[in-house]
Amino acid sequence: MCNNLQTWREEGKHTVSVCLIRDASGGEAVLKEPEKVCRMRWCRPEALPEPHFEASRMAIYLWRHQLPYHAAR
């Protein structure tokens, strides 16, 4: 779970994002809503495309450094 503090500071909107990690051991991703997503691809966590939204950036940072959310304040 991650607070979207950047959005709150810039737009006055407070949201919370829930981020999940899954072991993707095999198979291909299937694009089920092509009208909403232009493409899908696998990326290394250290080489994610930009722009990248705050909550997922924070969740990936915490996961890679094995930190709980409160440690990243």
PDB file of N, CA and C in Angstrom:
ATOM      1  N   MET A   1       0.848  -1.163   0.000  1.00  0.00           N
ATOM      2  CA  MET A   1       0.000   0.000   0.000  1.00  0.00           C
ATOM      3  C   MET A   1       0.897   1.231   0.000  1.00  0.00           C
ATOM      4  N   CYS A   2       0.505   2.218  -0.744  1.00  0.00           N
ATOM      5  CA  CYS A   2       1.340   3.412  -0.882  1.00  0.00           C
ATOM      6  C   CYS A   2       0.464   4.659  -0.957  1.00  0.00           C
ATOM      7  N   ASN A   3       0.808   5.661  -0.187  1.00  0.00           N
ATOM      8  CA  ASN A   3       0.170   6.970  -0.264  1.00  0.00           C
ATOM      9  C   ASN A   3       0.670   7.683  -1.509  1.00  0.00           C
ATOM     10  N   ASN A   4      -0.208   8.315  -2.234  1.00  0.00           N
ATOM     11  CA  ASN A   4       0.207   9.080  -3.413  1.00  0.00           C
ATOM     12  C   ASN A   4       0.413  10.540  -3.010  1.00  0.00           C
ATOM     13  N   LEU A   5       1.513  10.790  -2.315  1.00  0.00           N
ATOM     14  CA  LEU A   5       1.767  12.118  -1.755  1.00  0.00           C
ATOM     15  C   LEU A   5       2.069  13.162  -2.815  1.00  0.00           C
ATOM     16  N   GLN A   6       2.741  12.771  -3.886  1.00  0.00           N
ATOM     17  CA  GLN A   6       3.045  13.724  -4.956  1.00  0.00           C
ATOM     18  C   GLN A   6       1.751  14.265  -5.560  1.00  0.00           C
ATOM     19  N   THR A   7       0.799  13.385  -5.826  1.00  0.00           N
ATOM     20  CA  THR A   7      -0.495  13.811  -6.370  1.00  0.00           C
ATOM     21  C   THR A   7      -1.207  14.721  -5.384  1.00  0.00           C
ATOM     22  N   TRP A   8      -1.151  14.376  -4.106  1.00  0.00           N
ATOM     23  CA  TRP A   8      -1.801  15.200  -3.084  1.00  0.00           C
ATOM     24  C   TRP A   8      -1.190  16.595  -3.054  1.00  0.00           C
ATOM     25  N   ARG A   9       0.136  16.669  -3.110  1.00  0.00           N
ATOM     26  CA  ARG A   9       0.802  17.980  -3.079  1.00  0.00           C
ATOM     27  C   ARG A   9       0.489  18.810  -4.322  1.00  0.00           C
ATOM     28  N   GLU A  10       0.474  18.153  -5.487  1.00  0.00           N
ATOM     29  CA  GLU A  10       0.295  18.879  -6.743  1.00  0.00           C
ATOM     30  C   GLU A  10      -1.161  19.186  -7.068  1.00  0.00           C
ATOM     31  N   GLU A  11      -2.078  18.277  -6.705  1.00  0.00           N
ATOM     32  CA  GLU A  11      -3.467  18.418  -7.137  1.00  0.00           C
ATOM     33  C   GLU A  11      -4.479  18.498  -6.001  1.00  0.00           C
ATOM     34  N   GLY A  12      -4.018  18.287  -4.764  1.00  0.00           N
ATOM     35  CA  GLY A  12      -4.939  18.307  -3.637  1.00  0.00           C
ATOM     36  C   GLY A  12      -5.844  17.091  -3.572  1.00  0.00           C
ATOM     37  N   LYS A  13      -5.491  16.024  -4.296  1.00  0.00           N
ATOM     38  CA  LYS A  13      -6.272  14.785  -4.282  1.00  0.00           C
ATOM     39  C   LYS A  13      -5.486  13.731  -3.526  1.00  0.00           C
ATOM     40  N   HIS A  14      -6.122  13.118  -2.526  1.00  0.00           N
ATOM     41  CA  HIS A  14      -5.449  12.077  -1.761  1.00  0.00           C
ATOM     42  C   HIS A  14      -5.950  10.716  -2.210  1.00  0.00           C
ATOM     43  N   THR A  15      -5.032   9.879  -2.633  1.00  0.00           N
ATOM     44  CA  THR A  15      -5.378   8.512  -3.009  1.00  0.00           C
ATOM     45  C   THR A  15      -4.380   7.556  -2.375  1.00  0.00           C
ATOM     46  N   VAL A  16      -4.782   6.317  -2.277  1.00  0.00           N
ATOM     47  CA  VAL A  16      -3.921   5.255  -1.785  1.00  0.00           C
ATOM     48  C   VAL A  16      -3.902   4.175  -2.851  1.00  0.00           C
ATOM     49  N   SER A  17      -2.739   3.659  -3.169  1.00  0.00           N
ATOM     50  CA  SER A  17      -2.614   2.597  -4.163  1.00  0.00           C
ATOM     51  C   SER A  17      -2.208   1.301  -3.486  1.00  0.00           C
ATOM     52  N   VAL A  18      -2.815   0.220  -3.916  1.00  0.00           N
ATOM     53  CA  VAL A  18      -2.443  -1.110  -3.453  1.00  0.00           C
ATOM     54  C   VAL A  18      -1.612  -1.740  -4.565  1.00  0.00           C
ATOM     55  N   CYS A  19      -0.402  -2.155  -4.240  1.00  0.00           N
ATOM     56  CA  CYS A  19       0.511  -2.726  -5.231  1.00  0.00           C
ATOM     57  C   CYS A  19       0.759  -4.186  -4.878  1.00  0.00           C
ATOM     58  N   LEU A  20       0.673  -5.055  -5.862  1.00  0.00           N
ATOM     59  CA  LEU A  20       0.853  -6.489  -5.657  1.00  0.00           C
ATOM     60  C   LEU A  20       2.052  -6.979  -6.450  1.00  0.00           C
ATOM     61  N   ILE A  21       2.717  -7.996  -5.924  1.00  0.00           N
ATOM     62  CA  ILE A  21       3.842  -8.616  -6.609  1.00  0.00           C
ATOM     63  C   ILE A  21       3.447 -10.048  -6.929  1.00  0.00           C
ATOM     64  N   ARG A  22       3.751 -10.465  -8.142  1.00  0.00           N
ATOM     65  CA  ARG A  22       3.411 -11.814  -8.565  1.00  0.00           C
ATOM     66  C   ARG A  22       4.621 -12.451  -9.216  1.00  0.00           C
ATOM     67  N   ASP A  23       4.785 -13.746  -8.968  1.00  0.00           N
ATOM     68  CA  ASP A  23       5.827 -14.511  -9.632  1.00  0.00           C
ATOM     69  C   ASP A  23       5.322 -14.877 -11.022  1.00  0.00           C
ATOM     70  N   ALA A  24       5.912 -14.296 -12.035  1.00  0.00           N
ATOM     71  CA  ALA A  24       5.493 -14.559 -13.414  1.00  0.00           C
ATOM     72  C   ALA A  24       6.387 -15.639 -14.000  1.00  0.00           C
ATOM     73  N   SER A  25       6.133 -16.862 -13.606  1.00  0.00           N
ATOM     74  CA  SER A  25       6.991 -17.963 -14.053  1.00  0.00           C
ATOM     75  C   SER A  25       6.385 -18.651 -15.271  1.00  0.00           C
ATOM     76  N   GLY A  26       6.608 -18.056 -16.410  1.00  0.00           N
ATOM     77  CA  GLY A  26       6.151 -18.654 -17.652  1.00  0.00           C
ATOM     78  C   GLY A  26       4.876 -18.037 -18.171  1.00  0.00           C
ATOM     79  N   GLY A  27       4.549 -18.385 -19.395  1.00  0.00           N
ATOM     80  CA  GLY A  27       3.326 -17.884 -20.000  1.00  0.00           C
ATOM     81  C   GLY A  27       3.520 -16.527 -20.645  1.00  0.00           C
ATOM     82  N   GLU A  28       2.531 -16.128 -21.366  1.00  0.00           N
ATOM     83  CA  GLU A  28       2.538 -14.840 -22.041  1.00  0.00           C
ATOM     84  C   GLU A  28       1.412 -13.971 -21.500  1.00  0.00           C
ATOM     85  N   ALA A  29       1.671 -12.693 -21.387  1.00  0.00           N
ATOM     86  CA  ALA A  29       0.623 -11.758 -20.974  1.00  0.00           C
ATOM     87  C   ALA A  29      -0.406 -11.649 -22.098  1.00  0.00           C
ATOM     88  N   VAL A  30      -1.666 -11.548 -21.719  1.00  0.00           N
ATOM     89  CA  VAL A  30      -2.744 -11.427 -22.697  1.00  0.00           C
ATOM     90  C   VAL A  30      -3.408 -10.074 -22.515  1.00  0.00           C
ATOM     91  N   LEU A  31      -3.454  -9.292 -23.556  1.00  0.00           N
ATOM     92  CA  LEU A  31      -4.071  -7.971 -23.525  1.00  0.00           C
ATOM     93  C   LEU A  31      -5.580  -8.130 -23.700  1.00  0.00           C
ATOM     94  N   LYS A  32      -6.323  -7.921 -22.611  1.00  0.00           N
ATOM     95  CA  LYS A  32      -7.773  -8.129 -22.614  1.00  0.00           C
ATOM     96  C   LYS A  32      -8.563  -6.864 -22.922  1.00  0.00           C
ATOM     97  N   GLU A  33      -7.955  -5.689 -22.767  1.00  0.00           N
ATOM     98  CA  GLU A  33      -8.642  -4.423 -23.023  1.00  0.00           C
ATOM     99  C   GLU A  33      -7.786  -3.551 -23.950  1.00  0.00           C
ATOM    100  N   PRO A  34      -7.688  -3.917 -25.225  1.00  0.00           N
ATOM    101  CA  PRO A  34      -6.815  -3.171 -26.139  1.00  0.00           C
ATOM    102  C   PRO A  34      -7.222  -1.715 -26.329  1.00  0.00           C
ATOM    103  N   GLU A  35      -8.465  -1.374 -26.037  1.00  0.00           N
ATOM    104  CA  GLU A  35      -8.894   0.022 -26.159  1.00  0.00           C
ATOM    105  C   GLU A  35      -8.360   0.885 -25.017  1.00  0.00           C
ATOM    106  N   LYS A  36      -7.851   0.249 -23.945  1.00  0.00           N
ATOM    107  CA  LYS A  36      -7.338   0.985 -22.791  1.00  0.00           C
ATOM    108  C   LYS A  36      -5.814   0.952 -22.682  1.00  0.00           C
ATOM    109  N   VAL A  37      -5.187  -0.014 -23.313  1.00  0.00           N
ATOM    110  CA  VAL A  37      -3.741  -0.209 -23.183  1.00  0.00           C
ATOM    111  C   VAL A  37      -3.131  -0.280 -24.577  1.00  0.00           C
ATOM    112  N   CYS A  38      -2.114   0.535 -24.832  1.00  0.00           N
ATOM    113  CA  CYS A  38      -1.520   0.529 -26.181  1.00  0.00           C
ATOM    114  C   CYS A  38      -0.557  -0.638 -26.370  1.00  0.00           C
ATOM    115  N   ARG A  39       0.121  -1.080 -25.294  1.00  0.00           N
ATOM    116  CA  ARG A  39       0.976  -2.259 -25.399  1.00  0.00           C
ATOM    117  C   ARG A  39       1.388  -2.733 -24.011  1.00  0.00           C
ATOM    118  N   MET A  40       1.800  -3.982 -23.948  1.00  0.00           N
ATOM    119  CA  MET A  40       2.326  -4.562 -22.711  1.00  0.00           C
ATOM    120  C   MET A  40       3.689  -5.155 -23.029  1.00  0.00           C
ATOM    121  N   ARG A  41       4.585  -5.088 -22.042  1.00  0.00           N
ATOM    122  CA  ARG A  41       5.905  -5.689 -22.219  1.00  0.00           C
ATOM    123  C   ARG A  41       6.507  -5.977 -20.859  1.00  0.00           C
ATOM    124  N   TRP A  42       7.429  -6.901 -20.809  1.00  0.00           N
ATOM    125  CA  TRP A  42       8.155  -7.205 -19.587  1.00  0.00           C
ATOM    126  C   TRP A  42       9.348  -6.265 -19.500  1.00  0.00           C
ATOM    127  N   CYS A  43       9.587  -5.716 -18.299  1.00  0.00           N
ATOM    128  CA  CYS A  43      10.721  -4.817 -18.075  1.00  0.00           C
ATOM    129  C   CYS A  43      11.423  -5.222 -16.789  1.00  0.00           C
ATOM    130  N   ARG A  44      12.712  -5.003 -16.755  1.00  0.00           N
ATOM    131  CA  ARG A  44      13.444  -5.216 -15.507  1.00  0.00           C
ATOM    132  C   ARG A  44      13.047  -4.109 -14.527  1.00  0.00           C
ATOM    133  N   PRO A  45      12.964  -4.399 -13.233  1.00  0.00           N
ATOM    134  CA  PRO A  45      12.558  -3.375 -12.259  1.00  0.00           C
ATOM    135  C   PRO A  45      13.448  -2.139 -12.271  1.00  0.00           C
ATOM    136  N   GLU A  46      14.711  -2.310 -12.614  1.00  0.00           N
ATOM    137  CA  GLU A  46      15.626  -1.162 -12.632  1.00  0.00           C
ATOM    138  C   GLU A  46      15.601  -0.422 -13.965  1.00  0.00           C
ATOM    139  N   ALA A  47      14.797  -0.884 -14.917  1.00  0.00           N
ATOM    140  CA  ALA A  47      14.750  -0.242 -16.238  1.00  0.00           C
ATOM    141  C   ALA A  47      13.305  -0.040 -16.695  1.00  0.00           C
ATOM    142  N   LEU A  48      12.475   0.483 -15.826  1.00  0.00           N
ATOM    143  CA  LEU A  48      11.071   0.709 -16.163  1.00  0.00           C
ATOM    144  C   LEU A  48      10.922   1.939 -17.049  1.00  0.00           C
ATOM    145  N   PRO A  49       9.980   1.908 -17.974  1.00  0.00           N
ATOM    146  CA  PRO A  49       9.768   3.071 -18.841  1.00  0.00           C
ATOM    147  C   PRO A  49       9.185   4.248 -18.067  1.00  0.00           C
ATOM    148  N   GLU A  50       9.418   5.428 -18.540  1.00  0.00           N
ATOM    149  CA  GLU A  50       8.855   6.653 -17.970  1.00  0.00           C
ATOM    150  C   GLU A  50       7.885   7.255 -18.972  1.00  0.00           C
ATOM    151  N   PRO A  51       6.903   8.032 -18.568  1.00  0.00           N
ATOM    152  CA  PRO A  51       6.651   8.411 -17.178  1.00  0.00           C
ATOM    153  C   PRO A  51       6.128   7.221 -16.387  1.00  0.00           C
ATOM    154  N   HIS A  52       6.388   7.269 -15.108  1.00  0.00           N
ATOM    155  CA  HIS A  52       6.043   6.175 -14.209  1.00  0.00           C
ATOM    156  C   HIS A  52       5.349   6.779 -13.004  1.00  0.00           C
ATOM    157  N   PHE A  53       4.182   6.268 -12.623  1.00  0.00           N
ATOM    158  CA  PHE A  53       3.453   6.948 -11.564  1.00  0.00           C
ATOM    159  C   PHE A  53       4.010   6.629 -10.183  1.00  0.00           C
ATOM    160  N   GLU A  54       3.803   7.558  -9.270  1.00  0.00           N
ATOM    161  CA  GLU A  54       4.443   7.562  -7.955  1.00  0.00           C
ATOM    162  C   GLU A  54       4.264   6.274  -7.169  1.00  0.00           C
ATOM    163  N   ALA A  55       3.054   5.751  -7.089  1.00  0.00           N
ATOM    164  CA  ALA A  55       2.793   4.584  -6.243  1.00  0.00           C
ATOM    165  C   ALA A  55       3.557   3.353  -6.715  1.00  0.00           C
ATOM    166  N   SER A  56       3.582   3.095  -8.000  1.00  0.00           N
ATOM    167  CA  SER A  56       4.316   1.916  -8.465  1.00  0.00           C
ATOM    168  C   SER A  56       5.821   2.127  -8.338  1.00  0.00           C
ATOM    169  N   ARG A  57       6.290   3.345  -8.570  1.00  0.00           N
ATOM    170  CA  ARG A  57       7.718   3.635  -8.386  1.00  0.00           C
ATOM    171  C   ARG A  57       8.125   3.352  -6.937  1.00  0.00           C
ATOM    172  N   MET A  58       7.317   3.812  -5.981  1.00  0.00           N
ATOM    173  CA  MET A  58       7.618   3.602  -4.567  1.00  0.00           C
ATOM    174  C   MET A  58       7.527   2.122  -4.199  1.00  0.00           C
ATOM    175  N   ALA A  59       6.497   1.433  -4.668  1.00  0.00           N
ATOM    176  CA  ALA A  59       6.329   0.012  -4.353  1.00  0.00           C
ATOM    177  C   ALA A  59       7.514  -0.809  -4.863  1.00  0.00           C
ATOM    178  N   ILE A  60       7.973  -0.514  -6.064  1.00  0.00           N
ATOM    179  CA  ILE A  60       9.104  -1.254  -6.629  1.00  0.00           C
ATOM    180  C   ILE A  60      10.385  -0.940  -5.866  1.00  0.00           C
ATOM    181  N   TYR A  61      10.575   0.315  -5.496  1.00  0.00           N
ATOM    182  CA  TYR A  61      11.740   0.685  -4.687  1.00  0.00           C
ATOM    183  C   TYR A  61      11.742  -0.082  -3.358  1.00  0.00           C
ATOM    184  N   LEU A  62      10.607  -0.084  -2.670  1.00  0.00           N
ATOM    185  CA  LEU A  62      10.508  -0.772  -1.380  1.00  0.00           C
ATOM    186  C   LEU A  62      10.739  -2.267  -1.537  1.00  0.00           C
ATOM    187  N   TRP A  63      10.157  -2.867  -2.573  1.00  0.00           N
ATOM    188  CA  TRP A  63      10.327  -4.299  -2.825  1.00  0.00           C
ATOM    189  C   TRP A  63      11.798  -4.630  -3.082  1.00  0.00           C
ATOM    190  N   ARG A  64      12.452  -3.846  -3.931  1.00  0.00           N
ATOM    191  CA  ARG A  64      13.852  -4.118  -4.268  1.00  0.00           C
ATOM    192  C   ARG A  64      14.779  -3.955  -3.069  1.00  0.00           C
ATOM    193  N   HIS A  65      14.422  -3.066  -2.128  1.00  0.00           N
ATOM    194  CA  HIS A  65      15.259  -2.820  -0.956  1.00  0.00           C
ATOM    195  C   HIS A  65      14.737  -3.526   0.294  1.00  0.00           C
ATOM    196  N   GLN A  66      13.687  -4.341   0.120  1.00  0.00           N
ATOM    197  CA  GLN A  66      13.099  -5.107   1.228  1.00  0.00           C
ATOM    198  C   GLN A  66      12.752  -4.211   2.419  1.00  0.00           C
ATOM    199  N   LEU A  67      12.065  -3.099   2.126  1.00  0.00           N
ATOM    200  CA  LEU A  67      11.679  -2.137   3.149  1.00  0.00           C
ATOM    201  C   LEU A  67      10.166  -2.095   3.296  1.00  0.00           C
ATOM    202  N   PRO A  68       9.680  -1.852   4.514  1.00  0.00           N
ATOM    203  CA  PRO A  68       8.241  -1.607   4.680  1.00  0.00           C
ATOM    204  C   PRO A  68       7.917  -0.186   4.221  1.00  0.00           C
ATOM    205  N   TYR A  69       6.671   0.102   3.976  1.00  0.00           N
ATOM    206  CA  TYR A  69       6.285   1.426   3.471  1.00  0.00           C
ATOM    207  C   TYR A  69       6.750   2.561   4.367  1.00  0.00           C
ATOM    208  N   HIS A  70       6.570   2.451   5.673  1.00  0.00           N
ATOM    209  CA  HIS A  70       6.883   3.573   6.571  1.00  0.00           C
ATOM    210  C   HIS A  70       8.353   3.966   6.529  1.00  0.00           C
ATOM    211  N   ALA A  71       9.238   3.071   6.091  1.00  0.00           N
ATOM    212  CA  ALA A  71      10.668   3.392   6.041  1.00  0.00           C
ATOM    213  C   ALA A  71      11.005   4.350   4.901  1.00  0.00           C
ATOM    214  N   ALA A  72      10.079   4.551   3.992  1.00  0.00           N
ATOM    215  CA  ALA A  72      10.376   5.371   2.812  1.00  0.00           C
ATOM    216  C   ALA A  72       9.859   6.795   2.922  1.00  0.00           C
ATOM    217  N   ARG A  73       9.385   7.198   4.054  1.00  0.00           N
ATOM    218  CA  ARG A  73       8.808   8.537   4.202  1.00  0.00           C
ATOM    219  C   ARG A  73       9.783   9.629   3.890  1.00  0.00           C
TER     220      ARG A  73
END
